[in-house]
Amino acid sequence: MPLLFLLALFLLADVIVLFTLGAKLGLLLTLLWIVLSAAFGLHLIRRESLLTLQRARERLALGELPSDELLAGATFVLAGVLLMAPGFLSDLLGLVCLLPGSGQLARRWFPRAATTGPSGSGRTQGQGGSEWGAAASTAHRDSAPGDESEARPLEGDFIGRDSSGRDGDSR
């Protein structure tokens, strides 16, 4: 509820500043500013979302959690959304999100999102965000290269195909 109240206050202040500065700058210059900042915000969202996705895939391919990349990408997308919103305060806040230190500030505000897995500090989470996945990845990492105990399937009943192509019970 307090977050919604703060958002409403911010939007009200943004409209007031827009009309006040718009009256002093003139209609044409104000509209030009709004259109240019919206175009820049849209360009930023399109470019950064694709780059963030590419960096996250690279980190996943290396077996690491892409939390830093996702947080930085979210900061850039937030900046783009704020730039697309008509208003001078939202544009100013969007430009602040583009500053190099803003990612560090976001990590401080959202420390749980910034945990980086086995090499980072804090609780390690593995596959699916569960601690079981973290334990499984630790066990897999600690096993010897020649140890094939991890490669064997779990014992149990299942239905599979035999070599002749017929369905049957593979017990």
N, C-alpha and C. Protein backbone atom coordinates (compact mmCIF):
# COMPACT_ATOMS: atom_id res chain seq x y z
N MET A 1 0.80 -1.19 0.00
CA MET A 1 0.00 0.00 0.00
C MET A 1 0.85 1.27 0.00
N PRO A 2 1.93 1.33 0.84
CA PRO A 2 2.76 2.53 0.80
C PRO A 2 3.46 2.70 -0.56
N LEU A 3 3.80 1.59 -1.21
CA LEU A 3 4.43 1.68 -2.52
C LEU A 3 3.49 2.27 -3.55
N LEU A 4 2.23 1.89 -3.48
CA LEU A 4 1.22 2.43 -4.38
C LEU A 4 1.00 3.92 -4.13
N PHE A 5 1.02 4.31 -2.87
CA PHE A 5 0.87 5.72 -2.52
C PHE A 5 2.06 6.53 -3.04
N LEU A 6 3.27 6.00 -2.87
CA LEU A 6 4.46 6.70 -3.38
C LEU A 6 4.45 6.80 -4.90
N LEU A 7 3.97 5.75 -5.57
CA LEU A 7 3.87 5.79 -7.02
C LEU A 7 2.87 6.85 -7.48
N ALA A 8 1.74 6.94 -6.78
CA ALA A 8 0.74 7.95 -7.11
C ALA A 8 1.28 9.36 -6.89
N LEU A 9 2.03 9.56 -5.81
CA LEU A 9 2.65 10.86 -5.55
C LEU A 9 3.67 11.22 -6.63
N PHE A 10 4.45 10.23 -7.04
CA PHE A 10 5.44 10.46 -8.09
C PHE A 10 4.77 10.85 -9.40
N LEU A 11 3.70 10.14 -9.76
CA LEU A 11 2.99 10.45 -11.00
C LEU A 11 2.35 11.83 -10.96
N LEU A 12 1.81 12.20 -9.80
CA LEU A 12 1.22 13.52 -9.66
C LEU A 12 2.28 14.62 -9.77
N ALA A 13 3.41 14.41 -9.12
CA ALA A 13 4.50 15.38 -9.20
C ALA A 13 5.04 15.46 -10.63
N ASP A 14 5.09 14.32 -11.33
CA ASP A 14 5.58 14.30 -12.71
C ASP A 14 4.66 15.11 -13.62
N VAL A 15 3.37 14.98 -13.46
CA VAL A 15 2.41 15.75 -14.27
C VAL A 15 2.51 17.24 -13.96
N ILE A 16 2.65 17.57 -12.68
CA ILE A 16 2.76 18.98 -12.30
C ILE A 16 4.02 19.60 -12.90
N VAL A 17 5.15 18.90 -12.81
CA VAL A 17 6.40 19.42 -13.37
C VAL A 17 6.30 19.50 -14.90
N LEU A 18 5.66 18.52 -15.52
CA LEU A 18 5.51 18.54 -16.97
C LEU A 18 4.72 19.77 -17.42
N PHE A 19 3.61 20.06 -16.76
CA PHE A 19 2.81 21.22 -17.16
C PHE A 19 3.50 22.54 -16.83
N THR A 20 4.20 22.57 -15.70
CA THR A 20 4.89 23.80 -15.31
C THR A 20 6.04 24.12 -16.28
N LEU A 21 6.89 23.14 -16.53
CA LEU A 21 8.00 23.36 -17.47
C LEU A 21 7.50 23.49 -18.90
N GLY A 22 6.42 22.77 -19.22
CA GLY A 22 5.86 22.87 -20.56
C GLY A 22 5.32 24.26 -20.85
N ALA A 23 4.77 24.91 -19.85
CA ALA A 23 4.28 26.28 -20.03
C ALA A 23 5.43 27.26 -20.27
N LYS A 24 6.57 27.00 -19.63
CA LYS A 24 7.72 27.89 -19.80
C LYS A 24 8.48 27.61 -21.09
N LEU A 25 8.58 26.33 -21.48
CA LEU A 25 9.34 25.97 -22.68
C LEU A 25 8.53 26.15 -23.96
N GLY A 26 7.25 25.98 -23.87
CA GLY A 26 6.40 26.05 -25.04
C GLY A 26 5.94 24.66 -25.46
N LEU A 27 4.84 24.63 -26.18
CA LEU A 27 4.23 23.36 -26.56
C LEU A 27 5.12 22.56 -27.50
N LEU A 28 5.68 23.21 -28.52
CA LEU A 28 6.47 22.50 -29.52
C LEU A 28 7.71 21.86 -28.91
N LEU A 29 8.43 22.58 -28.10
CA LEU A 29 9.65 22.05 -27.49
C LEU A 29 9.33 20.93 -26.49
N THR A 30 8.23 21.09 -25.76
CA THR A 30 7.82 20.05 -24.80
C THR A 30 7.43 18.77 -25.53
N LEU A 31 6.66 18.89 -26.59
CA LEU A 31 6.27 17.70 -27.37
C LEU A 31 7.48 17.05 -28.02
N LEU A 32 8.42 17.85 -28.50
CA LEU A 32 9.64 17.31 -29.10
C LEU A 32 10.44 16.53 -28.06
N TRP A 33 10.55 17.06 -26.84
CA TRP A 33 11.26 16.36 -25.77
C TRP A 33 10.59 15.03 -25.44
N ILE A 34 9.25 15.03 -25.35
CA ILE A 34 8.53 13.81 -25.00
C ILE A 34 8.69 12.75 -26.08
N VAL A 35 8.60 13.16 -27.34
CA VAL A 35 8.73 12.19 -28.44
C VAL A 35 10.15 11.65 -28.53
N LEU A 36 11.15 12.50 -28.40
CA LEU A 36 12.54 12.04 -28.48
C LEU A 36 12.91 11.14 -27.31
N SER A 37 12.46 11.47 -26.11
CA SER A 37 12.79 10.62 -24.97
C SER A 37 12.07 9.28 -25.07
N ALA A 38 10.85 9.27 -25.59
CA ALA A 38 10.13 8.01 -25.77
C ALA A 38 10.81 7.14 -26.83
N ALA A 39 11.28 7.75 -27.91
CA ALA A 39 11.98 6.99 -28.95
C ALA A 39 13.28 6.41 -28.40
N PHE A 40 14.00 7.21 -27.61
CA PHE A 40 15.24 6.72 -27.00
C PHE A 40 14.95 5.59 -26.03
N GLY A 41 13.88 5.71 -25.24
CA GLY A 41 13.50 4.66 -24.30
C GLY A 41 13.13 3.36 -25.00
N LEU A 42 12.39 3.46 -26.10
CA LEU A 42 12.02 2.28 -26.87
C LEU A 42 13.25 1.61 -27.47
N HIS A 43 14.16 2.41 -28.00
CA HIS A 43 15.41 1.87 -28.55
C HIS A 43 16.22 1.17 -27.45
N LEU A 44 16.26 1.77 -26.29
CA LEU A 44 17.01 1.20 -25.18
C LEU A 44 16.42 -0.14 -24.75
N ILE A 45 15.11 -0.21 -24.66
CA ILE A 45 14.47 -1.47 -24.27
C ILE A 45 14.75 -2.56 -25.29
N ARG A 46 14.61 -2.26 -26.57
CA ARG A 46 14.84 -3.28 -27.60
C ARG A 46 16.28 -3.76 -27.61
N ARG A 47 17.22 -2.83 -27.52
CA ARG A 47 18.63 -3.19 -27.59
C ARG A 47 19.07 -3.94 -26.34
N GLU A 48 18.73 -3.44 -25.17
CA GLU A 48 19.21 -4.04 -23.93
C GLU A 48 18.55 -5.37 -23.63
N SER A 49 17.30 -5.54 -24.02
CA SER A 49 16.66 -6.83 -23.76
C SER A 49 17.32 -7.93 -24.58
N LEU A 50 17.67 -7.64 -25.82
CA LEU A 50 18.36 -8.64 -26.63
C LEU A 50 19.78 -8.90 -26.13
N LEU A 51 20.50 -7.85 -25.74
CA LEU A 51 21.86 -8.04 -25.23
C LEU A 51 21.85 -8.77 -23.89
N THR A 52 20.89 -8.48 -23.04
CA THR A 52 20.80 -9.16 -21.75
C THR A 52 20.49 -10.63 -21.95
N LEU A 53 19.60 -10.94 -22.86
CA LEU A 53 19.28 -12.33 -23.15
C LEU A 53 20.51 -13.07 -23.67
N GLN A 54 21.28 -12.44 -24.54
CA GLN A 54 22.49 -13.06 -25.07
C GLN A 54 23.52 -13.30 -23.96
N ARG A 55 23.74 -12.31 -23.10
CA ARG A 55 24.71 -12.47 -22.00
C ARG A 55 24.24 -13.52 -21.01
N ALA A 56 22.94 -13.59 -20.75
CA ALA A 56 22.41 -14.59 -19.83
C ALA A 56 22.59 -16.00 -20.40
N ARG A 57 22.38 -16.16 -21.68
CA ARG A 57 22.59 -17.47 -22.30
C ARG A 57 24.06 -17.88 -22.23
N GLU A 58 24.97 -16.93 -22.42
CA GLU A 58 26.40 -17.24 -22.31
C GLU A 58 26.76 -17.69 -20.90
N ARG A 59 26.22 -17.02 -19.89
CA ARG A 59 26.51 -17.41 -18.51
C ARG A 59 25.90 -18.77 -18.18
N LEU A 60 24.69 -19.03 -18.69
CA LEU A 60 24.07 -20.34 -18.48
C LEU A 60 24.87 -21.44 -19.16
N ALA A 61 25.42 -21.14 -20.33
CA ALA A 61 26.24 -22.14 -21.03
C ALA A 61 27.51 -22.47 -20.24
N LEU A 62 28.00 -21.51 -19.49
CA LEU A 62 29.17 -21.74 -18.64
C LEU A 62 28.80 -22.42 -17.33
N GLY A 63 27.51 -22.61 -17.08
CA GLY A 63 27.06 -23.26 -15.86
C GLY A 63 26.93 -22.31 -14.69
N GLU A 64 26.84 -21.02 -14.95
CA GLU A 64 26.72 -20.03 -13.89
C GLU A 64 25.32 -19.41 -13.92
N LEU A 65 24.91 -18.87 -12.80
CA LEU A 65 23.63 -18.17 -12.74
C LEU A 65 23.80 -16.75 -13.29
N PRO A 66 22.95 -16.31 -14.20
CA PRO A 66 23.10 -14.98 -14.81
C PRO A 66 22.41 -13.87 -14.03
N SER A 67 22.50 -13.88 -12.71
CA SER A 67 21.76 -12.91 -11.91
C SER A 67 22.26 -11.49 -12.12
N ASP A 68 23.57 -11.30 -12.24
CA ASP A 68 24.10 -9.95 -12.46
C ASP A 68 23.65 -9.39 -13.79
N GLU A 69 23.67 -10.22 -14.83
CA GLU A 69 23.24 -9.77 -16.14
C GLU A 69 21.75 -9.43 -16.16
N LEU A 70 20.96 -10.26 -15.49
CA LEU A 70 19.52 -10.01 -15.47
C LEU A 70 19.19 -8.75 -14.68
N LEU A 71 19.92 -8.51 -13.59
CA LEU A 71 19.68 -7.30 -12.81
C LEU A 71 20.09 -6.05 -13.59
N ALA A 72 21.22 -6.12 -14.29
CA ALA A 72 21.65 -4.99 -15.10
C ALA A 72 20.67 -4.75 -16.26
N GLY A 73 20.21 -5.83 -16.88
CA GLY A 73 19.23 -5.69 -17.96
C GLY A 73 17.92 -5.12 -17.47
N ALA A 74 17.50 -5.53 -16.27
CA ALA A 74 16.27 -5.00 -15.70
C ALA A 74 16.40 -3.52 -15.41
N THR A 75 17.60 -3.10 -14.99
CA THR A 75 17.83 -1.68 -14.73
C THR A 75 17.71 -0.88 -16.02
N PHE A 76 18.28 -1.40 -17.11
CA PHE A 76 18.19 -0.71 -18.40
C PHE A 76 16.76 -0.69 -18.93
N VAL A 77 16.03 -1.78 -18.75
CA VAL A 77 14.64 -1.82 -19.22
C VAL A 77 13.79 -0.85 -18.39
N LEU A 78 14.04 -0.78 -17.08
CA LEU A 78 13.33 0.19 -16.25
C LEU A 78 13.64 1.61 -16.71
N ALA A 79 14.90 1.87 -17.06
CA ALA A 79 15.26 3.19 -17.57
C ALA A 79 14.51 3.49 -18.87
N GLY A 80 14.40 2.50 -19.74
CA GLY A 80 13.67 2.69 -20.99
C GLY A 80 12.20 2.96 -20.77
N VAL A 81 11.59 2.25 -19.83
CA VAL A 81 10.17 2.47 -19.53
C VAL A 81 9.97 3.86 -18.95
N LEU A 82 10.86 4.28 -18.06
CA LEU A 82 10.75 5.62 -17.49
C LEU A 82 10.95 6.70 -18.54
N LEU A 83 11.84 6.45 -19.51
CA LEU A 83 12.03 7.42 -20.59
C LEU A 83 10.83 7.48 -21.52
N MET A 84 10.12 6.38 -21.67
CA MET A 84 8.95 6.36 -22.54
C MET A 84 7.76 7.07 -21.90
N ALA A 85 7.73 7.13 -20.59
CA ALA A 85 6.62 7.81 -19.90
C ALA A 85 6.74 9.31 -20.11
N PRO A 86 5.64 9.98 -20.44
CA PRO A 86 5.72 11.42 -20.64
C PRO A 86 5.88 12.16 -19.31
N GLY A 87 6.95 12.90 -19.19
CA GLY A 87 7.19 13.66 -17.97
C GLY A 87 8.68 13.89 -17.79
N PHE A 88 9.01 14.99 -17.15
CA PHE A 88 10.41 15.33 -16.96
C PHE A 88 11.02 14.59 -15.77
N LEU A 89 10.25 14.38 -14.70
CA LEU A 89 10.78 13.64 -13.56
C LEU A 89 11.05 12.18 -13.90
N SER A 90 10.15 11.57 -14.65
CA SER A 90 10.37 10.17 -15.04
C SER A 90 11.56 10.07 -15.99
N ASP A 91 11.75 11.06 -16.86
CA ASP A 91 12.92 11.07 -17.73
C ASP A 91 14.20 11.23 -16.91
N LEU A 92 14.15 12.08 -15.92
CA LEU A 92 15.32 12.28 -15.07
C LEU A 92 15.65 11.00 -14.30
N LEU A 93 14.64 10.33 -13.76
CA LEU A 93 14.86 9.07 -13.05
C LEU A 93 15.36 7.98 -14.00
N GLY A 94 14.86 7.97 -15.25
CA GLY A 94 15.34 7.02 -16.25
C GLY A 94 16.80 7.26 -16.59
N LEU A 95 17.20 8.51 -16.69
CA LEU A 95 18.61 8.82 -16.97
C LEU A 95 19.50 8.45 -15.79
N VAL A 96 18.99 8.57 -14.57
CA VAL A 96 19.76 8.15 -13.39
C VAL A 96 19.97 6.64 -13.42
N CYS A 97 18.97 5.90 -13.90
CA CYS A 97 19.11 4.44 -14.02
C CYS A 97 20.18 4.05 -15.03
N LEU A 98 20.51 4.94 -15.95
CA LEU A 98 21.52 4.64 -16.96
C LEU A 98 22.94 4.91 -16.48
N LEU A 99 23.09 5.59 -15.35
CA LEU A 99 24.42 5.87 -14.84
C LEU A 99 25.12 4.57 -14.45
N PRO A 100 26.45 4.51 -14.60
CA PRO A 100 27.17 3.26 -14.32
C PRO A 100 27.00 2.73 -12.90
N GLY A 101 26.89 3.56 -11.88
CA GLY A 101 26.76 3.09 -10.51
C GLY A 101 25.37 2.64 -10.13
N SER A 102 24.39 2.80 -11.02
CA SER A 102 23.02 2.45 -10.67
C SER A 102 22.84 0.95 -10.49
N GLY A 103 23.61 0.15 -11.17
CA GLY A 103 23.53 -1.31 -10.98
C GLY A 103 24.00 -1.72 -9.60
N GLN A 104 25.04 -1.05 -9.08
CA GLN A 104 25.51 -1.33 -7.72
C GLN A 104 24.43 -0.95 -6.70
N LEU A 105 23.76 0.15 -6.95
CA LEU A 105 22.70 0.59 -6.06
C LEU A 105 21.54 -0.40 -6.07
N ALA A 106 21.21 -0.91 -7.24
CA ALA A 106 20.14 -1.90 -7.35
C ALA A 106 20.51 -3.18 -6.62
N ARG A 107 21.79 -3.58 -6.67
CA ARG A 107 22.22 -4.77 -5.94
C ARG A 107 22.12 -4.57 -4.43
N ARG A 108 22.35 -3.33 -3.99
CA ARG A 108 22.23 -3.04 -2.57
C ARG A 108 20.77 -3.06 -2.12
N TRP A 109 19.87 -2.57 -2.98
CA TRP A 109 18.46 -2.54 -2.62
C TRP A 109 17.82 -3.90 -2.71
N PHE A 110 18.30 -4.74 -3.65
CA PHE A 110 17.75 -6.08 -3.83
C PHE A 110 18.85 -7.12 -3.66
N PRO A 111 19.31 -7.36 -2.44
CA PRO A 111 20.46 -8.25 -2.24
C PRO A 111 20.15 -9.70 -2.59
N ARG A 112 18.93 -10.14 -2.44
CA ARG A 112 18.60 -11.53 -2.74
C ARG A 112 18.71 -11.81 -4.24
N ALA A 113 18.39 -10.83 -5.07
CA ALA A 113 18.47 -11.02 -6.52
C ALA A 113 19.91 -11.04 -7.00
N ALA A 114 20.83 -10.56 -6.19
CA ALA A 114 22.21 -10.45 -6.62
C ALA A 114 23.08 -11.62 -6.19
N THR A 115 22.51 -12.67 -5.60
CA THR A 115 23.32 -13.82 -5.25
C THR A 115 23.74 -14.51 -6.52
N THR A 116 25.01 -14.88 -6.58
CA THR A 116 25.56 -15.35 -7.85
C THR A 116 25.88 -16.82 -7.88
N GLY A 117 25.44 -17.59 -6.93
CA GLY A 117 25.67 -19.02 -6.99
C GLY A 117 26.91 -19.42 -6.23
N PRO A 118 27.61 -20.50 -6.68
CA PRO A 118 28.71 -21.07 -5.92
C PRO A 118 29.86 -20.10 -5.66
N SER A 119 30.15 -19.19 -6.57
CA SER A 119 31.28 -18.29 -6.36
C SER A 119 30.90 -17.04 -5.59
N GLY A 120 29.59 -16.76 -5.46
CA GLY A 120 29.15 -15.54 -4.80
C GLY A 120 28.95 -15.75 -3.32
N SER A 121 28.60 -14.68 -2.64
CA SER A 121 28.33 -14.77 -1.22
C SER A 121 26.85 -15.01 -1.01
N GLY A 122 26.49 -15.49 0.15
CA GLY A 122 25.08 -15.73 0.43
C GLY A 122 24.71 -17.16 0.16
N ARG A 123 23.43 -17.44 0.20
CA ARG A 123 22.95 -18.80 0.02
C ARG A 123 23.05 -19.21 -1.43
N THR A 124 23.58 -20.37 -1.64
CA THR A 124 23.74 -20.89 -2.99
C THR A 124 22.47 -21.60 -3.41
N GLN A 125 21.99 -21.27 -4.60
CA GLN A 125 20.83 -21.95 -5.13
C GLN A 125 21.21 -22.51 -6.49
N GLY A 126 20.79 -23.73 -6.72
CA GLY A 126 21.13 -24.38 -7.98
C GLY A 126 19.95 -24.39 -8.92
N GLN A 127 19.75 -25.53 -9.56
CA GLN A 127 18.73 -25.66 -10.58
C GLN A 127 17.36 -25.45 -9.97
N GLY A 128 16.55 -24.61 -10.60
CA GLY A 128 15.19 -24.40 -10.16
C GLY A 128 15.08 -23.59 -8.88
N GLY A 129 16.17 -23.03 -8.39
CA GLY A 129 16.13 -22.20 -7.21
C GLY A 129 15.99 -22.98 -5.92
N SER A 130 16.17 -24.30 -5.93
CA SER A 130 16.03 -25.07 -4.71
C SER A 130 17.40 -25.42 -4.15
N GLU A 131 17.42 -25.69 -2.85
CA GLU A 131 18.68 -26.07 -2.23
C GLU A 131 19.08 -27.48 -2.64
N TRP A 132 18.10 -28.32 -3.00
CA TRP A 132 18.43 -29.66 -3.46
C TRP A 132 19.27 -29.61 -4.72
N GLY A 133 18.91 -28.69 -5.64
CA GLY A 133 19.69 -28.54 -6.87
C GLY A 133 21.10 -28.08 -6.57
N ALA A 134 21.26 -27.24 -5.54
CA ALA A 134 22.59 -26.78 -5.17
C ALA A 134 23.41 -27.93 -4.62
N ALA A 135 22.78 -28.80 -3.81
CA ALA A 135 23.49 -29.95 -3.28
C ALA A 135 23.85 -30.92 -4.39
N ALA A 136 22.95 -31.10 -5.36
CA ALA A 136 23.24 -32.00 -6.47
C ALA A 136 24.38 -31.46 -7.33
N SER A 137 24.40 -30.15 -7.56
CA SER A 137 25.48 -29.59 -8.36
C SER A 137 26.80 -29.65 -7.62
N THR A 138 26.77 -29.51 -6.28
CA THR A 138 28.00 -29.63 -5.49
C THR A 138 28.50 -31.07 -5.53
N ALA A 139 27.59 -32.04 -5.41
CA ALA A 139 28.00 -33.44 -5.47
C ALA A 139 28.56 -33.78 -6.84
N HIS A 140 27.97 -33.24 -7.89
CA HIS A 140 28.45 -33.49 -9.24
C HIS A 140 29.84 -32.88 -9.44
N ARG A 141 30.06 -31.70 -8.87
CA ARG A 141 31.33 -31.02 -9.01
C ARG A 141 32.43 -31.76 -8.24
N ASP A 142 32.07 -32.37 -7.07
CA ASP A 142 33.06 -33.02 -6.24
C ASP A 142 33.42 -34.41 -6.72
N SER A 143 32.65 -35.02 -7.62
CA SER A 143 32.93 -36.37 -8.07
C SER A 143 34.16 -36.38 -8.98
N ALA A 144 34.85 -37.49 -8.95
CA ALA A 144 36.07 -37.64 -9.76
C ALA A 144 35.71 -37.77 -11.22
N PRO A 145 36.62 -37.37 -12.14
CA PRO A 145 36.29 -37.44 -13.56
C PRO A 145 36.00 -38.85 -14.05
N GLY A 146 36.63 -39.87 -13.48
CA GLY A 146 36.42 -41.24 -13.93
C GLY A 146 35.24 -41.90 -13.25
N ASP A 147 34.68 -41.27 -12.25
CA ASP A 147 33.58 -41.83 -11.48
C ASP A 147 32.31 -41.78 -12.32
N GLU A 148 31.72 -42.96 -12.58
CA GLU A 148 30.53 -43.01 -13.41
C GLU A 148 29.27 -43.21 -12.60
N SER A 149 29.35 -43.04 -11.28
CA SER A 149 28.15 -43.23 -10.46
C SER A 149 27.10 -42.17 -10.78
N GLU A 150 27.52 -40.98 -11.21
CA GLU A 150 26.58 -39.93 -11.57
C GLU A 150 25.92 -40.20 -12.92
N ALA A 151 26.58 -40.98 -13.78
CA ALA A 151 26.07 -41.21 -15.13
C ALA A 151 25.02 -42.31 -15.17
N ARG A 152 24.96 -43.17 -14.14
CA ARG A 152 23.99 -44.26 -14.14
C ARG A 152 22.61 -43.74 -13.79
N PRO A 153 21.56 -44.28 -14.42
CA PRO A 153 20.20 -43.84 -14.09
C PRO A 153 19.77 -44.40 -12.74
N LEU A 154 18.76 -43.79 -12.18
CA LEU A 154 18.21 -44.27 -10.92
C LEU A 154 17.49 -45.59 -11.16
N GLU A 155 17.53 -46.46 -10.15
CA GLU A 155 16.88 -47.75 -10.29
C GLU A 155 15.38 -47.57 -10.09
N GLY A 156 14.60 -48.24 -10.93
CA GLY A 156 13.15 -48.15 -10.81
C GLY A 156 12.48 -48.83 -11.99
N ASP A 157 11.17 -48.90 -11.95
CA ASP A 157 10.40 -49.50 -13.03
C ASP A 157 10.10 -48.45 -14.07
N PHE A 158 10.26 -48.82 -15.33
CA PHE A 158 9.90 -47.92 -16.41
C PHE A 158 9.57 -48.75 -17.64
N ILE A 159 8.88 -48.16 -18.55
CA ILE A 159 8.53 -48.82 -19.80
C ILE A 159 9.37 -48.18 -20.89
N GLY A 160 10.06 -48.98 -21.65
CA GLY A 160 10.92 -48.46 -22.70
C GLY A 160 10.81 -49.29 -23.96
N ARG A 161 11.67 -49.03 -24.93
CA ARG A 161 11.71 -49.78 -26.19
C ARG A 161 12.92 -50.67 -26.20
N ASP A 162 12.69 -51.89 -26.59
CA ASP A 162 13.85 -52.78 -26.74
C ASP A 162 14.46 -52.59 -28.12
N SER A 163 15.49 -53.31 -28.43
CA SER A 163 16.22 -53.10 -29.68
C SER A 163 15.41 -53.46 -30.92
N SER A 164 14.38 -54.30 -30.80
CA SER A 164 13.59 -54.66 -31.98
C SER A 164 12.53 -53.63 -32.31
N GLY A 165 12.35 -52.61 -31.45
CA GLY A 165 11.39 -51.56 -31.75
C GLY A 165 10.03 -51.80 -31.13
N ARG A 166 9.85 -52.93 -30.42
CA ARG A 166 8.57 -53.20 -29.77
C ARG A 166 8.56 -52.58 -28.40
N ASP A 167 7.36 -52.20 -27.96
CA ASP A 167 7.22 -51.69 -26.60
C ASP A 167 7.26 -52.87 -25.65
N GLY A 168 7.90 -52.67 -24.53
CA GLY A 168 7.94 -53.73 -23.55
C GLY A 168 8.48 -53.23 -22.24
N ASP A 169 8.51 -54.12 -21.29
CA ASP A 169 9.01 -53.78 -19.97
C ASP A 169 10.52 -54.04 -19.96
N SER A 170 11.34 -53.06 -19.58
CA SER A 170 12.78 -53.22 -19.65
C SER A 170 13.38 -53.63 -18.33
N ARG A 171 12.67 -54.35 -17.52
CA ARG A 171 13.24 -54.78 -16.25
C ARG A 171 14.09 -55.96 -16.41
